[in-house]
Amino acid sequence: MSASKLRLYWRLQLAAHFLQKQADRDLLKDGEITTAQLGVLSAISNGEHVTQKDIATILGLNQSAITAMVRRLMNLGYVERQDSLTDGRSKILTLTGDGRDVVKNTHSPFGKINKRIETILSDEEINNLADYLDRLTQSFR
C-alpha cells in the first residue's frame, strides 16, 4: 500500500498535533511556557554563543517566529540578549537563572507522554518508530 493511500502525512500531522497539545497542556499546568518556547530554551541551554539564527536553524522555524518567542521569553525573565564579542551585528542569547530552572524542571510532561507511548507500543515498535522518524526528519531537512 502506498503512503498516499494510507494518508501517512495526514496521520503524522494528526499524531504530532495531539502529542504537542498534550505536552502544552501539561507544561502550561505547571508554568507559563509552551513546547515551542521550551524548544527555544533548550536550544539556548544546549549551545554556546547561540544566536536567534542558530535557534531557527536548529528548530527548523523561521526567524520571525523565533524573534517573537525570544521576546516573550525575555519578558518572562527566562532569556537575556547580549552583544556578541566577535560579531557586532549578532546578539547572543543566554538563559537567566529562572530560565535554567525552567529547562531543568520541565522534563516531566515529556516523560509522561513517553511512558504513555510505552504502554501503546512494544519496545521493538518504539525502536522502529524512532528509526523511521529520524530517517524522515533527515530526508526533509
N, C-alpha and C. Protein backbone atom coordinates (compact mmCIF):
# COMPACT_ATOMS: atom_id res chain seq x y z
N MET A 1 0.86 -1.18 0.00
CA MET A 1 0.00 0.00 0.00
C MET A 1 0.90 1.24 0.00
N SER A 2 0.48 2.28 -0.66
CA SER A 2 1.30 3.48 -0.80
C SER A 2 1.09 4.44 0.38
N ALA A 3 2.08 5.31 0.57
CA ALA A 3 1.98 6.34 1.62
C ALA A 3 0.76 7.22 1.37
N SER A 4 0.49 7.47 0.10
CA SER A 4 -0.65 8.32 -0.25
C SER A 4 -1.98 7.66 0.13
N LYS A 5 -2.11 6.39 -0.20
CA LYS A 5 -3.36 5.69 0.12
C LYS A 5 -3.56 5.55 1.63
N LEU A 6 -2.47 5.40 2.34
CA LEU A 6 -2.55 5.29 3.79
C LEU A 6 -2.62 6.66 4.47
N ARG A 7 -2.50 7.71 3.67
CA ARG A 7 -2.56 9.09 4.17
C ARG A 7 -1.55 9.30 5.31
N LEU A 8 -0.31 8.88 5.06
CA LEU A 8 0.71 8.95 6.11
C LEU A 8 1.00 10.38 6.55
N TYR A 9 1.07 11.31 5.61
CA TYR A 9 1.34 12.69 6.01
C TYR A 9 0.27 13.18 6.98
N TRP A 10 -0.97 12.95 6.64
CA TRP A 10 -2.08 13.38 7.50
C TRP A 10 -1.98 12.71 8.87
N ARG A 11 -1.67 11.42 8.88
CA ARG A 11 -1.56 10.69 10.14
C ARG A 11 -0.41 11.23 11.01
N LEU A 12 0.73 11.53 10.38
CA LEU A 12 1.85 12.11 11.13
C LEU A 12 1.47 13.47 11.70
N GLN A 13 0.81 14.30 10.89
CA GLN A 13 0.38 15.62 11.35
C GLN A 13 -0.59 15.50 12.52
N LEU A 14 -1.54 14.61 12.41
CA LEU A 14 -2.53 14.43 13.46
C LEU A 14 -1.88 13.95 14.76
N ALA A 15 -1.00 12.96 14.65
CA ALA A 15 -0.31 12.46 15.85
C ALA A 15 0.54 13.57 16.47
N ALA A 16 1.28 14.29 15.65
CA ALA A 16 2.12 15.38 16.17
C ALA A 16 1.27 16.45 16.84
N HIS A 17 0.14 16.77 16.24
CA HIS A 17 -0.76 17.78 16.80
C HIS A 17 -1.24 17.38 18.20
N PHE A 18 -1.72 16.15 18.33
CA PHE A 18 -2.24 15.71 19.62
C PHE A 18 -1.14 15.54 20.67
N LEU A 19 0.03 15.08 20.25
CA LEU A 19 1.16 14.98 21.18
C LEU A 19 1.56 16.37 21.68
N GLN A 20 1.64 17.33 20.77
CA GLN A 20 2.02 18.68 21.18
C GLN A 20 0.96 19.32 22.06
N LYS A 21 -0.31 19.13 21.74
CA LYS A 21 -1.38 19.70 22.57
C LYS A 21 -1.31 19.14 23.99
N GLN A 22 -1.08 17.83 24.11
CA GLN A 22 -0.98 17.23 25.44
C GLN A 22 0.21 17.79 26.20
N ALA A 23 1.36 17.89 25.53
CA ALA A 23 2.56 18.43 26.18
C ALA A 23 2.34 19.89 26.57
N ASP A 24 1.71 20.68 25.68
CA ASP A 24 1.42 22.08 26.01
C ASP A 24 0.51 22.19 27.22
N ARG A 25 -0.53 21.35 27.27
CA ARG A 25 -1.44 21.37 28.43
C ARG A 25 -0.67 21.08 29.71
N ASP A 26 0.18 20.05 29.67
CA ASP A 26 0.95 19.68 30.86
C ASP A 26 1.93 20.78 31.26
N LEU A 27 2.61 21.37 30.27
CA LEU A 27 3.55 22.45 30.57
C LEU A 27 2.85 23.68 31.13
N LEU A 28 1.73 24.06 30.53
CA LEU A 28 1.01 25.25 30.97
C LEU A 28 0.37 25.05 32.34
N LYS A 29 0.08 23.79 32.68
CA LYS A 29 -0.45 23.49 34.01
C LYS A 29 0.62 23.77 35.07
N ASP A 30 1.87 23.49 34.72
CA ASP A 30 2.97 23.67 35.67
C ASP A 30 3.63 25.04 35.58
N GLY A 31 3.43 25.76 34.50
CA GLY A 31 4.12 27.03 34.32
C GLY A 31 3.45 27.88 33.28
N GLU A 32 4.26 28.64 32.54
CA GLU A 32 3.69 29.59 31.60
C GLU A 32 4.33 29.53 30.23
N ILE A 33 4.90 28.37 29.87
CA ILE A 33 5.50 28.25 28.55
C ILE A 33 4.93 27.07 27.78
N THR A 34 5.10 27.13 26.47
CA THR A 34 4.63 26.07 25.58
C THR A 34 5.81 25.19 25.16
N THR A 35 5.51 24.12 24.45
CA THR A 35 6.57 23.25 23.95
C THR A 35 7.49 23.99 22.99
N ALA A 36 6.93 24.87 22.16
CA ALA A 36 7.76 25.63 21.22
C ALA A 36 8.73 26.54 21.98
N GLN A 37 8.23 27.19 23.01
CA GLN A 37 9.10 28.06 23.82
C GLN A 37 10.15 27.25 24.57
N LEU A 38 9.76 26.08 25.05
CA LEU A 38 10.72 25.21 25.72
C LEU A 38 11.79 24.75 24.74
N GLY A 39 11.40 24.54 23.48
CA GLY A 39 12.39 24.20 22.46
C GLY A 39 13.44 25.28 22.32
N VAL A 40 13.02 26.53 22.35
CA VAL A 40 13.96 27.65 22.27
C VAL A 40 14.87 27.65 23.50
N LEU A 41 14.28 27.50 24.68
CA LEU A 41 15.09 27.47 25.91
C LEU A 41 16.10 26.32 25.87
N SER A 42 15.67 25.16 25.41
CA SER A 42 16.57 24.00 25.34
C SER A 42 17.69 24.24 24.35
N ALA A 43 17.37 24.84 23.20
CA ALA A 43 18.40 25.13 22.20
C ALA A 43 19.45 26.09 22.77
N ILE A 44 19.00 27.08 23.52
CA ILE A 44 19.94 28.01 24.14
C ILE A 44 20.78 27.27 25.19
N SER A 45 20.12 26.43 25.97
CA SER A 45 20.78 25.70 27.05
C SER A 45 21.85 24.74 26.52
N ASN A 46 21.59 24.15 25.36
CA ASN A 46 22.49 23.13 24.81
C ASN A 46 23.66 23.69 24.01
N GLY A 47 23.69 24.99 23.78
CA GLY A 47 24.73 25.55 22.93
C GLY A 47 25.56 26.60 23.62
N GLU A 48 26.55 27.08 22.89
CA GLU A 48 27.39 28.18 23.35
C GLU A 48 27.31 29.29 22.32
N HIS A 49 27.21 30.52 22.77
CA HIS A 49 27.14 31.67 21.86
C HIS A 49 26.02 31.49 20.85
N VAL A 50 24.84 31.15 21.32
CA VAL A 50 23.69 30.85 20.46
C VAL A 50 23.01 32.15 20.04
N THR A 51 22.74 32.26 18.73
CA THR A 51 22.02 33.41 18.19
C THR A 51 20.61 32.97 17.80
N GLN A 52 19.76 33.95 17.51
CA GLN A 52 18.41 33.63 17.06
C GLN A 52 18.46 32.85 15.75
N LYS A 53 19.40 33.17 14.89
CA LYS A 53 19.55 32.45 13.63
C LYS A 53 19.90 30.98 13.90
N ASP A 54 20.77 30.74 14.87
CA ASP A 54 21.11 29.36 15.25
C ASP A 54 19.87 28.60 15.69
N ILE A 55 19.06 29.24 16.51
CA ILE A 55 17.85 28.59 17.02
C ILE A 55 16.89 28.28 15.88
N ALA A 56 16.73 29.22 14.96
CA ALA A 56 15.85 29.00 13.81
C ALA A 56 16.32 27.78 13.01
N THR A 57 17.63 27.66 12.83
CA THR A 57 18.18 26.52 12.10
C THR A 57 17.97 25.22 12.87
N ILE A 58 18.27 25.23 14.15
CA ILE A 58 18.13 24.03 14.98
C ILE A 58 16.69 23.53 15.00
N LEU A 59 15.74 24.44 15.18
CA LEU A 59 14.34 24.06 15.33
C LEU A 59 13.57 24.01 14.01
N GLY A 60 14.20 24.45 12.93
CA GLY A 60 13.54 24.43 11.63
C GLY A 60 12.39 25.43 11.54
N LEU A 61 12.52 26.56 12.23
CA LEU A 61 11.48 27.59 12.21
C LEU A 61 12.03 28.84 11.55
N ASN A 62 11.12 29.73 11.12
CA ASN A 62 11.61 30.97 10.52
C ASN A 62 12.01 31.94 11.63
N GLN A 63 12.87 32.88 11.25
CA GLN A 63 13.44 33.79 12.25
C GLN A 63 12.40 34.70 12.89
N SER A 64 11.34 35.04 12.15
CA SER A 64 10.32 35.91 12.75
C SER A 64 9.60 35.20 13.90
N ALA A 65 9.37 33.90 13.75
CA ALA A 65 8.74 33.14 14.84
C ALA A 65 9.67 33.09 16.05
N ILE A 66 10.96 32.91 15.80
CA ILE A 66 11.93 32.87 16.88
C ILE A 66 12.01 34.22 17.58
N THR A 67 11.98 35.30 16.80
CA THR A 67 12.03 36.65 17.38
C THR A 67 10.89 36.86 18.36
N ALA A 68 9.68 36.46 17.96
CA ALA A 68 8.51 36.62 18.84
C ALA A 68 8.65 35.77 20.10
N MET A 69 9.12 34.53 19.95
CA MET A 69 9.27 33.66 21.12
C MET A 69 10.35 34.18 22.06
N VAL A 70 11.46 34.63 21.49
CA VAL A 70 12.55 35.16 22.33
C VAL A 70 12.07 36.39 23.09
N ARG A 71 11.32 37.25 22.43
CA ARG A 71 10.79 38.44 23.10
C ARG A 71 9.91 38.03 24.28
N ARG A 72 9.03 37.06 24.07
CA ARG A 72 8.16 36.60 25.16
C ARG A 72 8.99 35.99 26.29
N LEU A 73 9.98 35.20 25.95
CA LEU A 73 10.83 34.57 26.97
C LEU A 73 11.66 35.60 27.72
N MET A 74 12.05 36.66 27.04
CA MET A 74 12.75 37.76 27.73
C MET A 74 11.79 38.47 28.69
N ASN A 75 10.55 38.70 28.24
CA ASN A 75 9.56 39.34 29.11
C ASN A 75 9.24 38.50 30.34
N LEU A 76 9.33 37.18 30.19
CA LEU A 76 9.10 36.29 31.33
C LEU A 76 10.33 36.20 32.24
N GLY A 77 11.44 36.74 31.79
CA GLY A 77 12.66 36.72 32.60
C GLY A 77 13.48 35.46 32.45
N TYR A 78 13.29 34.72 31.34
CA TYR A 78 14.00 33.45 31.14
C TYR A 78 15.22 33.58 30.23
N VAL A 79 15.25 34.62 29.40
CA VAL A 79 16.32 34.78 28.41
C VAL A 79 16.85 36.20 28.46
N GLU A 80 18.15 36.32 28.23
CA GLU A 80 18.79 37.63 28.08
C GLU A 80 19.47 37.67 26.72
N ARG A 81 19.51 38.87 26.14
CA ARG A 81 20.17 39.06 24.85
C ARG A 81 21.36 40.00 25.07
N GLN A 82 22.53 39.58 24.58
CA GLN A 82 23.75 40.38 24.77
C GLN A 82 24.46 40.54 23.43
N ASP A 83 25.22 41.62 23.30
CA ASP A 83 26.01 41.82 22.09
C ASP A 83 27.07 40.73 21.99
N SER A 84 27.28 40.25 20.77
CA SER A 84 28.35 39.28 20.52
C SER A 84 29.70 39.98 20.62
N LEU A 85 30.65 39.32 21.21
CA LEU A 85 32.00 39.88 21.31
C LEU A 85 32.76 39.75 20.00
N THR A 86 32.33 38.82 19.14
CA THR A 86 33.04 38.57 17.89
C THR A 86 32.36 39.15 16.66
N ASP A 87 31.05 39.43 16.75
CA ASP A 87 30.30 39.96 15.61
C ASP A 87 29.35 41.04 16.11
N GLY A 88 29.65 42.26 15.80
CA GLY A 88 28.87 43.38 16.30
C GLY A 88 27.42 43.38 15.86
N ARG A 89 27.10 42.63 14.80
CA ARG A 89 25.71 42.58 14.32
C ARG A 89 24.89 41.53 15.05
N SER A 90 25.53 40.57 15.67
CA SER A 90 24.83 39.45 16.29
C SER A 90 24.55 39.70 17.77
N LYS A 91 23.48 39.09 18.22
CA LYS A 91 23.13 39.09 19.64
C LYS A 91 23.19 37.65 20.13
N ILE A 92 23.83 37.47 21.25
CA ILE A 92 23.95 36.14 21.86
C ILE A 92 22.84 35.99 22.90
N LEU A 93 22.19 34.85 22.87
CA LEU A 93 21.12 34.56 23.81
C LEU A 93 21.65 33.67 24.93
N THR A 94 21.30 34.02 26.15
CA THR A 94 21.67 33.20 27.30
C THR A 94 20.46 33.04 28.20
N LEU A 95 20.47 31.97 28.97
CA LEU A 95 19.40 31.74 29.93
C LEU A 95 19.71 32.47 31.22
N THR A 96 18.67 32.98 31.84
CA THR A 96 18.80 33.52 33.20
C THR A 96 18.74 32.33 34.16
N GLY A 97 18.92 32.59 35.43
CA GLY A 97 18.77 31.52 36.43
C GLY A 97 17.38 30.91 36.36
N ASP A 98 16.35 31.75 36.23
CA ASP A 98 14.98 31.23 36.11
C ASP A 98 14.82 30.40 34.84
N GLY A 99 15.45 30.83 33.75
CA GLY A 99 15.38 30.07 32.51
C GLY A 99 16.01 28.70 32.65
N ARG A 100 17.16 28.64 33.34
CA ARG A 100 17.81 27.34 33.58
C ARG A 100 16.92 26.44 34.44
N ASP A 101 16.25 27.03 35.43
CA ASP A 101 15.33 26.26 36.27
C ASP A 101 14.18 25.69 35.46
N VAL A 102 13.64 26.48 34.55
CA VAL A 102 12.53 26.01 33.71
C VAL A 102 12.98 24.81 32.89
N VAL A 103 14.15 24.91 32.25
CA VAL A 103 14.64 23.79 31.44
C VAL A 103 14.85 22.55 32.30
N LYS A 104 15.41 22.75 33.48
CA LYS A 104 15.71 21.62 34.37
C LYS A 104 14.43 20.96 34.90
N ASN A 105 13.38 21.74 35.10
CA ASN A 105 12.18 21.22 35.77
C ASN A 105 11.02 20.87 34.84
N THR A 106 11.23 20.87 33.55
CA THR A 106 10.09 20.64 32.65
C THR A 106 10.20 19.34 31.87
N HIS A 107 10.91 18.40 32.36
CA HIS A 107 11.01 17.13 31.65
C HIS A 107 9.84 16.21 31.95
N SER A 108 9.10 16.45 33.03
CA SER A 108 8.03 15.53 33.41
C SER A 108 6.91 15.43 32.38
N PRO A 109 6.45 16.50 31.73
CA PRO A 109 5.40 16.32 30.73
C PRO A 109 5.83 15.39 29.59
N PHE A 110 7.09 15.50 29.17
CA PHE A 110 7.57 14.64 28.10
C PHE A 110 7.76 13.21 28.60
N GLY A 111 8.18 13.08 29.84
CA GLY A 111 8.30 11.75 30.43
C GLY A 111 6.96 11.05 30.49
N LYS A 112 5.91 11.81 30.85
CA LYS A 112 4.56 11.23 30.90
C LYS A 112 4.12 10.76 29.52
N ILE A 113 4.38 11.58 28.52
CA ILE A 113 3.98 11.22 27.16
C ILE A 113 4.77 10.00 26.69
N ASN A 114 6.07 9.97 26.97
CA ASN A 114 6.88 8.82 26.58
C ASN A 114 6.40 7.55 27.28
N LYS A 115 6.04 7.66 28.55
CA LYS A 115 5.52 6.49 29.27
C LYS A 115 4.21 6.01 28.65
N ARG A 116 3.37 6.95 28.25
CA ARG A 116 2.11 6.58 27.60
C ARG A 116 2.38 5.86 26.28
N ILE A 117 3.35 6.35 25.52
CA ILE A 117 3.72 5.69 24.26
C ILE A 117 4.20 4.27 24.54
N GLU A 118 4.95 4.10 25.64
CA GLU A 118 5.46 2.77 26.00
C GLU A 118 4.34 1.80 26.36
N THR A 119 3.18 2.31 26.79
CA THR A 119 2.05 1.41 27.09
C THR A 119 1.31 1.01 25.81
N ILE A 120 1.52 1.76 24.75
CA ILE A 120 0.81 1.51 23.49
C ILE A 120 1.65 0.66 22.54
N LEU A 121 2.95 0.91 22.50
CA LEU A 121 3.85 0.25 21.55
C LEU A 121 4.83 -0.66 22.27
N SER A 122 5.24 -1.73 21.59
CA SER A 122 6.27 -2.62 22.14
C SER A 122 7.63 -1.96 22.01
N ASP A 123 8.64 -2.51 22.68
CA ASP A 123 10.00 -1.98 22.58
C ASP A 123 10.47 -1.98 21.12
N GLU A 124 10.20 -3.06 20.42
CA GLU A 124 10.61 -3.15 19.01
C GLU A 124 9.90 -2.08 18.17
N GLU A 125 8.61 -1.88 18.40
CA GLU A 125 7.87 -0.86 17.66
C GLU A 125 8.40 0.54 17.97
N ILE A 126 8.76 0.78 19.23
CA ILE A 126 9.31 2.08 19.61
C ILE A 126 10.64 2.32 18.90
N ASN A 127 11.50 1.30 18.89
CA ASN A 127 12.79 1.43 18.20
C ASN A 127 12.59 1.67 16.70
N ASN A 128 11.66 0.92 16.11
CA ASN A 128 11.38 1.11 14.68
C ASN A 128 10.83 2.50 14.41
N LEU A 129 9.89 2.94 15.25
CA LEU A 129 9.30 4.26 15.07
C LEU A 129 10.37 5.35 15.17
N ALA A 130 11.25 5.23 16.15
CA ALA A 130 12.32 6.22 16.30
C ALA A 130 13.20 6.24 15.04
N ASP A 131 13.51 5.08 14.51
CA ASP A 131 14.32 5.00 13.29
C ASP A 131 13.57 5.63 12.11
N TYR A 132 12.30 5.31 11.96
CA TYR A 132 11.51 5.86 10.85
C TYR A 132 11.43 7.38 10.94
N LEU A 133 11.18 7.89 12.14
CA LEU A 133 11.06 9.34 12.32
C LEU A 133 12.40 10.03 12.06
N ASP A 134 13.49 9.43 12.52
CA ASP A 134 14.82 10.01 12.26
C ASP A 134 15.10 10.06 10.76
N ARG A 135 14.77 8.98 10.06
CA ARG A 135 15.02 8.94 8.61
C ARG A 135 14.17 9.97 7.88
N LEU A 136 12.92 10.10 8.26
CA LEU A 136 12.05 11.10 7.64
C LEU A 136 12.58 12.51 7.91
N THR A 137 12.95 12.77 9.15
CA THR A 137 13.46 14.09 9.52
C THR A 137 14.69 14.43 8.69
N GLN A 138 15.63 13.49 8.60
CA GLN A 138 16.86 13.74 7.85
C GLN A 138 16.59 13.97 6.36
N SER A 139 15.64 13.25 5.81
CA SER A 139 15.39 13.38 4.37
C SER A 139 14.70 14.69 4.00
N PHE A 140 14.02 15.32 4.95
CA PHE A 140 13.30 16.56 4.65
C PHE A 140 14.01 17.80 5.19
N ARG A 141 15.12 17.64 5.88
CA ARG A 141 15.86 18.79 6.42
C ARG A 141 16.49 19.59 5.35
